[in-house]
Structure formats: structure tokens, C-alpha cells
Amino acid sequence: MDALVITGPTASGKSELSFKLAELLNGEIISADSAQVYRGLDIGTAKPGRIIQDKLKHHLLDIRDPSEIYTVADFRNDTLRIISEIKGRGKVPIISGGTMLYLKALREGLADLPAANPSVRESIELDAKKRGWAKLHSELRTIDPISADRIKPNDSHRLQRALEVYQLTGTALSEHLLKANAACPPKLFEIAIFPGDREQLHKNIEQRFKKMLDKGFVEEVLRLKKRDDLTADLPALKSVGYRQIWHYLNNRFDRETMVGRVLAATRQLAKRQFTWLRGFKNIRFVENPDANLILKMLPEEKI
């Protein structure tokens, strides 16, 4: 195998399991978490602490400012390169995280899409300020009805990208995606933690969020909010927890409502992750994060 994958729904024990396996297998961990790539998003992303990072080599943590965008294509390209580097050191790459779109792209490849174009994006944003994103969504429906069905009118980030791709290539984003081909996919040995007791998982989610609040999650978001260049519409700050706390700090609702909304959004995230996992092929399911069990499942040739 080229890499071991440890995935599963949020709060299922992926990180702790990956730490144990990295120690036992002489491995290095590649984060497959779309929020952990951002600097300053630490408590709310359950990012490994400095002691763990000093003990075990981690990759794709703190590589972007929250004002920047990190795409699925960025993740795939970075991960393929890092897998090769880790193997070159005679170690085992362990990809750990619950951003399912990242794992799907790694396994199946991506369409050959143009890079982001700042001038085109600025033009689209100016148009949106003048006429509104709903009007641009209507125009997208004319040129790319398939993408318009997938993208909500208020999802400005994805809407902008679909319009950008069309303006740069003259071809609808949906047509590009249909032509996507896997480009030399890595050989992955995939393990998914799939808890059978959903009630216990929900309790774990609630307990973890309480610990995050105790550690200063609200204060972390407040520090981000004080920056002049960050808004709630940025991908980094749409992450579960950050978005709800940002609105709480804007006095849109009280603390109790904020807590309820974060827990509900996290449960919905877990539900979506379960749905993704059911659709993945060649993935091995375990109910609990048992490192010894997984060691027995691994092929003899680790790398």
C-alpha cells in the first residue's frame, strides 16, 4: 500500500487512533481535515497540540491563513507529494481526517480545472454586489443547470467558482466534472470508524464541544473576528462551530442558542459523513478505534 487512511464521523476517535498507529508503525500523519489547514483555527478543529506535533510528524496543518482558500485540488496535489516524501524516508503515510471530499478526490482524481483567477473573481464579486448572488445564480442556471441544481443561491464561494470556470474555459463546470479521470491514484488501505451507537456518538460530540468551550473556543473566534480581513463568508469560517460562534458574537442569538446550533450542526455533519462512508468502495469498517485490531488487518507489506 502507498498510504493508510483512517477516517470516520466527527468525534469518533480518528485522531487518537492515528496517533497510536503512527507510533506503532513508524508513521507520519497527513491531515485530511479542511479546517485544520488554517492557522489560528486550533481549538474548534481539535488540532493536535504542540506536544503531539513535536512527538509525531504532522503534515497539512497551519499551511494557510484563514483569509486564503485551500482547494480540494490543493489537498490532492499536496498529499500525493507528501506520500512520496514519507515513503522515501522509509516511513508509513497515515492520512487521518473526516473531510470526505478530500478522500474521494485522492482516490478518484479530479477534473482538469483552471486555477483561480483573481481578476475574474473580483469581477464576479463586484457584479454580485451590484445585482446580488441570486441573480448570478439565475444566470448560472442558464449556462450550467446541473451545477445550479447542486449549488444553493447563497453559497457564494461555490457559485463564484462555477461562474469563474465557465468564464475562463467557455465550458460548464458540470461538463468538466464529467470528464474527470483518476490520475495514477495511490494505493490506499482505508479504515473507517463506524460507531454503531449513535446516541453515544452524540454524547461524545456534546462532551467534546463543552471541552472546547472550556479551552477558550469563543475567545479563539473573537481573536479571528477582530481582524479586518476576515468575514463569515470565508471557507475557513464556515466550519462547524466557527460560523455559529461568529454569529453569536454579532449578537444574532444568545449563548444557549449558539450551543444548541453548534451541536445540531455537528450532528448533521456526522450524518453526512456516515452517508459518504456508505458510498465508499473498498473501505473496511470497524466499530471502535482499536489500534491492535487494525494492525491485524493491515497487509504484511506496509509500504
C-alpha atoms as a PDB file:
ATOM      1  CA  MET A   1       0.000   0.000   0.000  1.00  0.00           C
ATOM      2  CA  ASP A   2       1.034   3.610  -0.505  1.00  0.00           C
ATOM      3  CA  ALA A   3      -0.816   5.002   2.500  1.00  0.00           C
ATOM      4  CA  LEU A   4      -3.101   4.040   5.361  1.00  0.00           C
ATOM      5  CA  VAL A   5      -6.322   6.041   5.687  1.00  0.00           C
ATOM      6  CA  ILE A   6      -8.127   6.495   8.989  1.00  0.00           C
ATOM      7  CA  THR A   7     -11.489   8.200   8.639  1.00  0.00           C
ATOM      8  CA  GLY A   8     -14.935   8.262  10.189  1.00  0.00           C
ATOM      9  CA  PRO A   9     -17.519  10.692  11.535  1.00  0.00           C
ATOM     10  CA  THR A  10     -16.593  13.579  13.781  1.00  0.00           C
ATOM     11  CA  ALA A  11     -15.823  12.716  17.429  1.00  0.00           C
ATOM     12  CA  SER A  12     -15.376   9.018  16.641  1.00  0.00           C
ATOM     13  CA  GLY A  13     -11.744   8.825  17.799  1.00  0.00           C
ATOM     14  CA  LYS A  14      -9.863   9.192  14.498  1.00  0.00           C
ATOM     15  CA  SER A  15      -7.080  11.389  15.828  1.00  0.00           C
ATOM     16  CA  GLU A  16      -6.220   9.312  18.881  1.00  0.00           C
ATOM     17  CA  LEU A  17      -6.233   6.148  16.780  1.00  0.00           C
ATOM     18  CA  SER A  18      -3.936   7.763  14.213  1.00  0.00           C
ATOM     19  CA  PHE A  19      -1.512   8.837  16.939  1.00  0.00           C
ATOM     20  CA  LYS A  20      -1.283   5.268  18.244  1.00  0.00           C
ATOM     21  CA  LEU A  21      -0.800   3.811  14.773  1.00  0.00           C
ATOM     22  CA  ALA A  22       1.857   6.368  13.896  1.00  0.00           C
ATOM     23  CA  GLU A  23       3.808   5.311  16.970  1.00  0.00           C
ATOM     24  CA  LEU A  24       3.405   1.591  16.268  1.00  0.00           C
ATOM     25  CA  LEU A  25       4.109   1.783  12.526  1.00  0.00           C
ATOM     26  CA  ASN A  26       6.814   4.456  12.469  1.00  0.00           C
ATOM     27  CA  GLY A  27       4.432   6.666  10.565  1.00  0.00           C
ATOM     28  CA  GLU A  28       3.796  10.299   9.753  1.00  0.00           C
ATOM     29  CA  ILE A  29       0.314  11.785   9.742  1.00  0.00           C
ATOM     30  CA  ILE A  30      -1.258  13.727   6.869  1.00  0.00           C
ATOM     31  CA  SER A  31      -4.308  15.694   7.965  1.00  0.00           C
ATOM     32  CA  ALA A  32      -7.420  15.262   5.813  1.00  0.00           C
ATOM     33  CA  ASP A  33      -9.331  17.991   7.632  1.00  0.00           C
ATOM     34  CA  SER A  34     -10.371  21.028   5.623  1.00  0.00           C
ATOM     35  CA  ALA A  35     -10.317  23.318   8.676  1.00  0.00           C
ATOM     36  CA  GLN A  36      -7.024  22.228  10.236  1.00  0.00           C
ATOM     37  CA  VAL A  37      -5.106  23.654   7.282  1.00  0.00           C
ATOM     38  CA  TYR A  38      -5.826  27.161   8.627  1.00  0.00           C
ATOM     39  CA  ARG A  39      -3.633  28.964  11.132  1.00  0.00           C
ATOM     40  CA  GLY A  40      -5.468  30.175  14.210  1.00  0.00           C
ATOM     41  CA  LEU A  41      -8.239  27.596  13.939  1.00  0.00           C
ATOM     42  CA  ASP A  42      -6.961  25.353  16.709  1.00  0.00           C
ATOM     43  CA  ILE A  43      -9.458  24.663  19.477  1.00  0.00           C
ATOM     44  CA  GLY A  44     -12.525  24.332  17.262  1.00  0.00           C
ATOM     45  CA  THR A  45     -10.798  21.964  14.843  1.00  0.00           C
ATOM     46  CA  ALA A  46      -9.405  19.736  17.617  1.00  0.00           C
ATOM     47  CA  LYS A  47      -5.975  20.337  16.103  1.00  0.00           C
ATOM     48  CA  PRO A  48      -3.208  18.242  17.721  1.00  0.00           C
ATOM     49  CA  GLY A  49      -1.357  20.171  20.421  1.00  0.00           C
ATOM     50  CA  ARG A  50       2.287  21.126  20.244  1.00  0.00           C
ATOM     51  CA  ILE A  51       3.403  18.174  22.387  1.00  0.00           C
ATOM     52  CA  ILE A  52       1.777  15.700  19.967  1.00  0.00           C
ATOM     53  CA  GLN A  53       3.107  17.540  16.925  1.00  0.00           C
ATOM     54  CA  ASP A  54       6.631  17.517  18.362  1.00  0.00           C
ATOM     55  CA  LYS A  55       6.373  13.792  19.044  1.00  0.00           C
ATOM     56  CA  LEU A  56       4.711  12.758  15.771  1.00  0.00           C
ATOM     57  CA  LYS A  57       5.341  14.398  12.417  1.00  0.00           C
ATOM     58  CA  HIS A  58       2.178  16.003  11.016  1.00  0.00           C
ATOM     59  CA  HIS A  59       1.527  17.446   7.574  1.00  0.00           C
ATOM     60  CA  LEU A  60      -1.071  19.918   6.193  1.00  0.00           C
ATOM     61  CA  LEU A  61      -1.591  21.723   9.485  1.00  0.00           C
ATOM     62  CA  ASP A  62      -1.386  25.541   9.629  1.00  0.00           C
ATOM     63  CA  ILE A  63      -0.440  25.924   5.971  1.00  0.00           C
ATOM     64  CA  ARG A  64      -2.937  28.655   5.057  1.00  0.00           C
ATOM     65  CA  ASP A  65      -4.112  31.917   6.562  1.00  0.00           C
ATOM     66  CA  PRO A  66      -7.892  31.978   7.206  1.00  0.00           C
ATOM     67  CA  SER A  67      -8.196  34.727   4.588  1.00  0.00           C
ATOM     68  CA  GLU A  68      -6.954  32.298   1.930  1.00  0.00           C
ATOM     69  CA  ILE A  69      -8.600  29.402   0.139  1.00  0.00           C
ATOM     70  CA  TYR A  70      -7.351  25.813   0.170  1.00  0.00           C
ATOM     71  CA  THR A  71      -8.980  23.713  -2.526  1.00  0.00           C
ATOM     72  CA  VAL A  72      -9.627  20.019  -2.947  1.00  0.00           C
ATOM     73  CA  ALA A  73      -7.115  20.050  -5.791  1.00  0.00           C
ATOM     74  CA  ASP A  74      -4.534  21.626  -3.457  1.00  0.00           C
ATOM     75  CA  PHE A  75      -5.109  18.804  -0.984  1.00  0.00           C
ATOM     76  CA  ARG A  76      -4.751  16.091  -3.611  1.00  0.00           C
ATOM     77  CA  ASN A  77      -1.574  17.529  -5.089  1.00  0.00           C
ATOM     78  CA  ASP A  78      -0.007  18.161  -1.687  1.00  0.00           C
ATOM     79  CA  THR A  79      -0.939  14.729  -0.364  1.00  0.00           C
ATOM     80  CA  LEU A  80       0.444  12.824  -3.366  1.00  0.00           C
ATOM     81  CA  ARG A  81       3.730  14.699  -2.969  1.00  0.00           C
ATOM     82  CA  ILE A  82       3.879  14.156   0.796  1.00  0.00           C
ATOM     83  CA  ILE A  83       3.073  10.437   0.491  1.00  0.00           C
ATOM     84  CA  SER A  84       6.067  10.059  -1.802  1.00  0.00           C
ATOM     85  CA  GLU A  85       8.314  12.005   0.581  1.00  0.00           C
ATOM     86  CA  ILE A  86       7.248   9.985   3.629  1.00  0.00           C
ATOM     87  CA  LYS A  87       7.778   6.698   1.823  1.00  0.00           C
ATOM     88  CA  GLY A  88      11.183   7.937   0.725  1.00  0.00           C
ATOM     89  CA  ARG A  89      12.088   8.211   4.383  1.00  0.00           C
ATOM     90  CA  GLY A  90      11.047   4.598   4.923  1.00  0.00           C
ATOM     91  CA  LYS A  91       8.015   5.579   6.988  1.00  0.00           C
ATOM     92  CA  VAL A  92       4.288   4.854   6.710  1.00  0.00           C
ATOM     93  CA  PRO A  93       1.991   7.672   5.497  1.00  0.00           C
ATOM     94  CA  ILE A  94      -1.190   7.799   7.602  1.00  0.00           C
ATOM     95  CA  ILE A  95      -3.945  10.006   6.211  1.00  0.00           C
ATOM     96  CA  SER A  96      -6.301  10.965   9.018  1.00  0.00           C
ATOM     97  CA  GLY A  97      -9.445  13.067   8.861  1.00  0.00           C
ATOM     98  CA  GLY A  98     -13.113  13.339   8.074  1.00  0.00           C
ATOM     99  CA  THR A  99     -13.287  15.655   5.062  1.00  0.00           C
ATOM    100  CA  MET A 100     -14.801  13.059   2.770  1.00  0.00           C
ATOM    101  CA  LEU A 101     -14.486  15.122  -0.402  1.00  0.00           C
ATOM    102  CA  TYR A 102     -10.720  15.182   0.137  1.00  0.00           C
ATOM    103  CA  LEU A 103     -10.583  11.391   0.382  1.00  0.00           C
ATOM    104  CA  LYS A 104     -12.826  10.951  -2.656  1.00  0.00           C
ATOM    105  CA  ALA A 105     -10.593  13.234  -4.712  1.00  0.00           C
ATOM    106  CA  LEU A 106      -7.483  11.407  -3.560  1.00  0.00           C
ATOM    107  CA  ARG A 107      -8.953   8.076  -4.579  1.00  0.00           C
ATOM    108  CA  GLU A 108     -10.741   9.031  -7.787  1.00  0.00           C
ATOM    109  CA  GLY A 109      -8.915  12.066  -9.115  1.00  0.00           C
ATOM    110  CA  LEU A 110     -10.253  15.449 -10.178  1.00  0.00           C
ATOM    111  CA  ALA A 111     -11.312  17.233 -13.298  1.00  0.00           C
ATOM    112  CA  ASP A 112      -8.653  19.334 -15.009  1.00  0.00           C
ATOM    113  CA  LEU A 113      -9.976  22.732 -13.931  1.00  0.00           C
ATOM    114  CA  PRO A 114      -8.309  26.120 -14.405  1.00  0.00           C
ATOM    115  CA  ALA A 115      -6.563  27.735 -11.462  1.00  0.00           C
ATOM    116  CA  ALA A 116      -8.315  30.536  -9.626  1.00  0.00           C
ATOM    117  CA  ASN A 117      -8.061  33.837 -11.490  1.00  0.00           C
ATOM    118  CA  PRO A 118      -8.030  36.880  -9.165  1.00  0.00           C
ATOM    119  CA  SER A 119      -9.262  39.355 -11.793  1.00  0.00           C
ATOM    120  CA  VAL A 120     -12.163  37.154 -12.868  1.00  0.00           C
ATOM    121  CA  ARG A 121     -13.119  36.517  -9.244  1.00  0.00           C
ATOM    122  CA  GLU A 122     -13.023  40.219  -8.463  1.00  0.00           C
ATOM    123  CA  SER A 123     -15.257  40.921 -11.451  1.00  0.00           C
ATOM    124  CA  ILE A 124     -17.786  38.321 -10.285  1.00  0.00           C
ATOM    125  CA  GLU A 125     -17.762  39.703  -6.734  1.00  0.00           C
ATOM    126  CA  LEU A 126     -18.350  43.250  -7.984  1.00  0.00           C
ATOM    127  CA  ASP A 127     -21.222  42.011 -10.130  1.00  0.00           C
ATOM    128  CA  ALA A 128     -22.682  40.209  -7.113  1.00  0.00           C
ATOM    129  CA  LYS A 129     -22.514  43.400  -5.024  1.00  0.00           C
ATOM    130  CA  LYS A 130     -24.407  45.290  -7.703  1.00  0.00           C
ATOM    131  CA  ARG A 131     -27.051  42.698  -8.595  1.00  0.00           C
ATOM    132  CA  GLY A 132     -26.980  40.087  -5.856  1.00  0.00           C
ATOM    133  CA  TRP A 133     -25.891  36.434  -5.777  1.00  0.00           C
ATOM    134  CA  ALA A 134     -29.460  35.273  -6.505  1.00  0.00           C
ATOM    135  CA  LYS A 135     -29.319  36.992  -9.904  1.00  0.00           C
ATOM    136  CA  LEU A 136     -25.955  35.367 -10.687  1.00  0.00           C
ATOM    137  CA  HIS A 137     -27.405  32.012  -9.661  1.00  0.00           C
ATOM    138  CA  SER A 138     -30.169  32.511 -12.225  1.00  0.00           C
ATOM    139  CA  GLU A 139     -27.540  33.156 -14.886  1.00  0.00           C
ATOM    140  CA  LEU A 140     -25.670  30.012 -13.826  1.00  0.00           C
ATOM    141  CA  ARG A 141     -28.883  28.037 -14.338  1.00  0.00           C
ATOM    142  CA  THR A 142     -28.931  29.216 -17.934  1.00  0.00           C
ATOM    143  CA  ILE A 143     -25.346  28.177 -18.717  1.00  0.00           C
ATOM    144  CA  ASP A 144     -24.969  25.223 -16.341  1.00  0.00           C
ATOM    145  CA  PRO A 145     -28.290  23.900 -14.967  1.00  0.00           C
ATOM    146  CA  ILE A 146     -26.636  20.824 -13.425  1.00  0.00           C
ATOM    147  CA  SER A 147     -24.309  22.938 -11.283  1.00  0.00           C
ATOM    148  CA  ALA A 148     -27.158  25.331 -10.466  1.00  0.00           C
ATOM    149  CA  ASP A 149     -29.132  22.415  -9.042  1.00  0.00           C
ATOM    150  CA  ARG A 150     -26.182  21.446  -6.814  1.00  0.00           C
ATOM    151  CA  ILE A 151     -25.258  24.952  -5.658  1.00  0.00           C
ATOM    152  CA  LYS A 152     -27.555  26.995  -3.444  1.00  0.00           C
ATOM    153  CA  PRO A 153     -28.063  30.677  -4.345  1.00  0.00           C
ATOM    154  CA  ASN A 154     -26.487  31.753  -1.035  1.00  0.00           C
ATOM    155  CA  ASP A 155     -23.374  29.573  -1.467  1.00  0.00           C
ATOM    156  CA  SER A 156     -21.303  32.420  -2.850  1.00  0.00           C
ATOM    157  CA  HIS A 157     -17.983  30.542  -2.801  1.00  0.00           C
ATOM    158  CA  ARG A 158     -19.135  27.606  -4.968  1.00  0.00           C
ATOM    159  CA  LEU A 159     -21.310  29.830  -7.139  1.00  0.00           C
ATOM    160  CA  GLN A 160     -18.375  32.110  -7.857  1.00  0.00           C
ATOM    161  CA  ARG A 161     -16.187  29.128  -8.782  1.00  0.00           C
ATOM    162  CA  ALA A 162     -18.770  27.721 -11.209  1.00  0.00           C
ATOM    163  CA  LEU A 163     -19.089  31.076 -12.955  1.00  0.00           C
ATOM    164  CA  GLU A 164     -15.316  31.539 -12.968  1.00  0.00           C
ATOM    165  CA  VAL A 165     -14.720  28.151 -14.638  1.00  0.00           C
ATOM    166  CA  TYR A 166     -17.266  28.961 -17.339  1.00  0.00           C
ATOM    167  CA  GLN A 167     -15.797  32.408 -18.000  1.00  0.00           C
ATOM    168  CA  LEU A 168     -12.250  31.020 -18.212  1.00  0.00           C
ATOM    169  CA  THR A 169     -12.999  27.970 -20.360  1.00  0.00           C
ATOM    170  CA  GLY A 170     -16.331  28.515 -22.069  1.00  0.00           C
ATOM    171  CA  THR A 171     -17.379  25.099 -20.755  1.00  0.00           C
ATOM    172  CA  ALA A 172     -19.762  24.401 -17.884  1.00  0.00           C
ATOM    173  CA  LEU A 173     -18.259  23.170 -14.617  1.00  0.00           C
ATOM    174  CA  SER A 174     -20.543  20.125 -14.734  1.00  0.00           C
ATOM    175  CA  GLU A 175     -19.082  19.114 -18.114  1.00  0.00           C
ATOM    176  CA  HIS A 176     -15.555  19.360 -16.728  1.00  0.00           C
ATOM    177  CA  LEU A 177     -16.531  17.141 -13.808  1.00  0.00           C
ATOM    178  CA  LEU A 178     -17.992  14.500 -16.110  1.00  0.00           C
ATOM    179  CA  LYS A 179     -14.624  14.248 -17.845  1.00  0.00           C
ATOM    180  CA  ALA A 180     -12.693  13.801 -14.600  1.00  0.00           C
ATOM    181  CA  ASN A 181     -10.229  10.916 -14.638  1.00  0.00           C
ATOM    182  CA  ALA A 182      -8.189   9.384 -11.865  1.00  0.00           C
ATOM    183  CA  ALA A 183      -4.567  10.307 -12.449  1.00  0.00           C
ATOM    184  CA  CYS A 184      -2.434   7.486 -11.048  1.00  0.00           C
ATOM    185  CA  PRO A 185      -4.384   7.135  -7.790  1.00  0.00           C
ATOM    186  CA  PRO A 186      -2.361   5.947  -4.811  1.00  0.00           C
ATOM    187  CA  LYS A 187      -2.947   2.500  -3.355  1.00  0.00           C
ATOM    188  CA  LEU A 188      -4.852   3.231  -0.185  1.00  0.00           C
ATOM    189  CA  PHE A 189      -5.690   0.883   2.659  1.00  0.00           C
ATOM    190  CA  GLU A 190      -8.787   2.556   4.074  1.00  0.00           C
ATOM    191  CA  ILE A 191     -10.216   2.091   7.541  1.00  0.00           C
ATOM    192  CA  ALA A 192     -13.386   3.824   8.689  1.00  0.00           C
ATOM    193  CA  ILE A 193     -14.556   4.014  12.277  1.00  0.00           C
ATOM    194  CA  PHE A 194     -18.293   3.401  12.028  1.00  0.00           C
ATOM    195  CA  PRO A 195     -19.850   3.638  15.520  1.00  0.00           C
ATOM    196  CA  GLY A 196     -22.979   1.579  15.941  1.00  0.00           C
ATOM    197  CA  ASP A 197     -24.243   3.533  18.943  1.00  0.00           C
ATOM    198  CA  ARG A 198     -25.344   6.903  17.547  1.00  0.00           C
ATOM    199  CA  GLU A 199     -26.597   8.071  20.922  1.00  0.00           C
ATOM    200  CA  GLN A 200     -23.128   7.602  22.391  1.00  0.00           C
ATOM    201  CA  LEU A 201     -21.586   9.423  19.433  1.00  0.00           C
ATOM    202  CA  HIS A 202     -23.918  12.348  20.060  1.00  0.00           C
ATOM    203  CA  LYS A 203     -22.860  12.354  23.720  1.00  0.00           C
ATOM    204  CA  ASN A 204     -19.225  12.380  22.601  1.00  0.00           C
ATOM    205  CA  ILE A 205     -19.971  15.358  20.361  1.00  0.00           C
ATOM    206  CA  GLU A 206     -21.577  17.238  23.228  1.00  0.00           C
ATOM    207  CA  GLN A 207     -18.762  16.446  25.679  1.00  0.00           C
ATOM    208  CA  ARG A 208     -16.097  17.445  23.181  1.00  0.00           C
ATOM    209  CA  PHE A 209     -17.768  20.769  22.431  1.00  0.00           C
ATOM    210  CA  LYS A 210     -18.042  21.533  26.150  1.00  0.00           C
ATOM    211  CA  LYS A 211     -14.290  20.928  26.481  1.00  0.00           C
ATOM    212  CA  MET A 212     -13.666  23.217  23.510  1.00  0.00           C
ATOM    213  CA  LEU A 213     -15.655  25.987  25.191  1.00  0.00           C
ATOM    214  CA  ASP A 214     -13.718  25.459  28.419  1.00  0.00           C
ATOM    215  CA  LYS A 215     -10.440  25.751  26.495  1.00  0.00           C
ATOM    216  CA  GLY A 216     -11.467  29.110  25.010  1.00  0.00           C
ATOM    217  CA  PHE A 217     -13.231  28.366  21.705  1.00  0.00           C
ATOM    218  CA  VAL A 218     -15.312  31.563  21.893  1.00  0.00           C
ATOM    219  CA  GLU A 219     -12.191  33.614  22.619  1.00  0.00           C
ATOM    220  CA  GLU A 220     -10.446  31.970  19.644  1.00  0.00           C
ATOM    221  CA  VAL A 221     -13.230  33.074  17.316  1.00  0.00           C
ATOM    222  CA  LEU A 222     -13.184  36.551  18.878  1.00  0.00           C
ATOM    223  CA  ARG A 223      -9.482  36.894  18.015  1.00  0.00           C
ATOM    224  CA  LEU A 224     -10.252  35.977  14.418  1.00  0.00           C
ATOM    225  CA  LYS A 225     -13.224  38.326  14.333  1.00  0.00           C
ATOM    226  CA  LYS A 226     -11.074  41.280  15.380  1.00  0.00           C
ATOM    227  CA  ARG A 227      -9.116  41.004  12.139  1.00  0.00           C
ATOM    228  CA  ASP A 228     -10.227  43.436   9.453  1.00  0.00           C
ATOM    229  CA  ASP A 229      -9.646  40.998   6.595  1.00  0.00           C
ATOM    230  CA  LEU A 230     -11.858  38.117   7.784  1.00  0.00           C
ATOM    231  CA  THR A 231     -15.591  37.647   7.204  1.00  0.00           C
ATOM    232  CA  ALA A 232     -18.055  34.871   7.993  1.00  0.00           C
ATOM    233  CA  ASP A 233     -18.297  34.064   4.259  1.00  0.00           C
ATOM    234  CA  LEU A 234     -14.728  32.757   4.017  1.00  0.00           C
ATOM    235  CA  PRO A 235     -14.413  28.952   3.725  1.00  0.00           C
ATOM    236  CA  ALA A 236     -12.335  28.747   6.900  1.00  0.00           C
ATOM    237  CA  LEU A 237     -15.008  30.455   8.966  1.00  0.00           C
ATOM    238  CA  LYS A 238     -17.870  28.414   7.557  1.00  0.00           C
ATOM    239  CA  SER A 239     -16.525  25.458   9.527  1.00  0.00           C
ATOM    240  CA  VAL A 240     -18.906  23.990  12.084  1.00  0.00           C
ATOM    241  CA  GLY A 241     -18.645  25.885  15.343  1.00  0.00           C
ATOM    242  CA  TYR A 242     -16.798  28.884  13.949  1.00  0.00           C
ATOM    243  CA  ARG A 243     -19.775  30.069  11.930  1.00  0.00           C
ATOM    244  CA  GLN A 244     -22.252  29.771  14.820  1.00  0.00           C
ATOM    245  CA  ILE A 245     -19.929  31.416  17.366  1.00  0.00           C
ATOM    246  CA  TRP A 246     -19.190  34.249  14.904  1.00  0.00           C
ATOM    247  CA  HIS A 247     -22.929  34.972  14.672  1.00  0.00           C
ATOM    248  CA  TYR A 248     -23.255  34.705  18.460  1.00  0.00           C
ATOM    249  CA  LEU A 249     -20.545  37.341  18.820  1.00  0.00           C
ATOM    250  CA  ASN A 250     -22.560  39.509  16.431  1.00  0.00           C
ATOM    251  CA  ASN A 251     -25.464  39.223  18.912  1.00  0.00           C
ATOM    252  CA  ARG A 252     -27.658  37.347  16.475  1.00  0.00           C
ATOM    253  CA  PHE A 253     -28.647  34.949  19.272  1.00  0.00           C
ATOM    254  CA  ASP A 254     -27.758  34.140  22.864  1.00  0.00           C
ATOM    255  CA  ARG A 255     -25.153  31.678  24.153  1.00  0.00           C
ATOM    256  CA  GLU A 256     -27.641  28.899  24.838  1.00  0.00           C
ATOM    257  CA  THR A 257     -28.952  29.104  21.284  1.00  0.00           C
ATOM    258  CA  MET A 258     -25.393  29.139  19.947  1.00  0.00           C
ATOM    259  CA  VAL A 259     -24.557  25.942  21.822  1.00  0.00           C
ATOM    260  CA  GLY A 260     -27.672  24.252  20.504  1.00  0.00           C
ATOM    261  CA  ARG A 261     -26.918  25.292  16.943  1.00  0.00           C
ATOM    262  CA  VAL A 262     -23.325  24.083  17.103  1.00  0.00           C
ATOM    263  CA  LEU A 263     -24.394  20.689  18.458  1.00  0.00           C
ATOM    264  CA  ALA A 264     -27.134  20.353  15.826  1.00  0.00           C
ATOM    265  CA  ALA A 265     -24.722  21.304  13.024  1.00  0.00           C
ATOM    266  CA  THR A 266     -22.130  18.826  14.310  1.00  0.00           C
ATOM    267  CA  ARG A 267     -24.680  16.020  14.423  1.00  0.00           C
ATOM    268  CA  GLN A 268     -25.682  16.890  10.858  1.00  0.00           C
ATOM    269  CA  LEU A 269     -22.018  16.785   9.835  1.00  0.00           C
ATOM    270  CA  ALA A 270     -21.688  13.302  11.339  1.00  0.00           C
ATOM    271  CA  LYS A 271     -24.810  12.204   9.483  1.00  0.00           C
ATOM    272  CA  ARG A 272     -23.381  13.414   6.168  1.00  0.00           C
ATOM    273  CA  GLN A 273     -20.109  11.644   6.910  1.00  0.00           C
ATOM    274  CA  PHE A 274     -21.963   8.380   7.524  1.00  0.00           C
ATOM    275  CA  THR A 275     -23.704   8.816   4.168  1.00  0.00           C
ATOM    276  CA  TRP A 276     -20.376   9.385   2.400  1.00  0.00           C
ATOM    277  CA  LEU A 277     -18.842   6.319   4.044  1.00  0.00           C
ATOM    278  CA  ARG A 278     -21.684   4.054   2.975  1.00  0.00           C
ATOM    279  CA  GLY A 279     -20.982   5.013  -0.619  1.00  0.00           C
ATOM    280  CA  PHE A 280     -17.226   4.374  -0.497  1.00  0.00           C
ATOM    281  CA  LYS A 281     -15.972   1.144  -2.028  1.00  0.00           C
ATOM    282  CA  ASN A 282     -13.103  -0.997  -0.740  1.00  0.00           C
ATOM    283  CA  ILE A 283     -13.222   0.555   2.709  1.00  0.00           C
ATOM    284  CA  ARG A 284     -13.010  -1.562   5.851  1.00  0.00           C
ATOM    285  CA  PHE A 285     -15.290  -0.686   8.746  1.00  0.00           C
ATOM    286  CA  VAL A 286     -14.547  -1.026  12.449  1.00  0.00           C
ATOM    287  CA  GLU A 287     -16.950  -0.060  15.201  1.00  0.00           C
ATOM    288  CA  ASN A 288     -14.310   1.146  17.658  1.00  0.00           C
ATOM    289  CA  PRO A 289     -10.905   2.848  17.287  1.00  0.00           C
ATOM    290  CA  ASP A 290      -8.909  -0.275  18.225  1.00  0.00           C
ATOM    291  CA  ALA A 291      -5.275   0.024  17.114  1.00  0.00           C
ATOM    292  CA  ASN A 292      -4.464  -3.647  17.769  1.00  0.00           C
ATOM    293  CA  LEU A 293      -7.394  -4.794  15.626  1.00  0.00           C
ATOM    294  CA  ILE A 294      -6.300  -2.563  12.761  1.00  0.00           C
ATOM    295  CA  LEU A 295      -2.722  -3.817  12.949  1.00  0.00           C
ATOM    296  CA  LYS A 296      -4.045  -7.330  12.331  1.00  0.00           C
ATOM    297  CA  MET A 297      -5.974  -6.107   9.287  1.00  0.00           C
ATOM    298  CA  LEU A 298      -3.015  -4.453   7.569  1.00  0.00           C
ATOM    299  CA  PRO A 299      -1.217  -6.145   4.665  1.00  0.00           C
ATOM    300  CA  GLU A 300       2.188  -7.576   5.508  1.00  0.00           C
ATOM    301  CA  GLU A 301       3.876  -5.137   3.151  1.00  0.00           C
ATOM    302  CA  LYS A 302       3.222  -1.805   4.889  1.00  0.00           C
ATOM    303  CA  ILE A 303       4.855   0.381   2.239  1.00  0.00           C
END
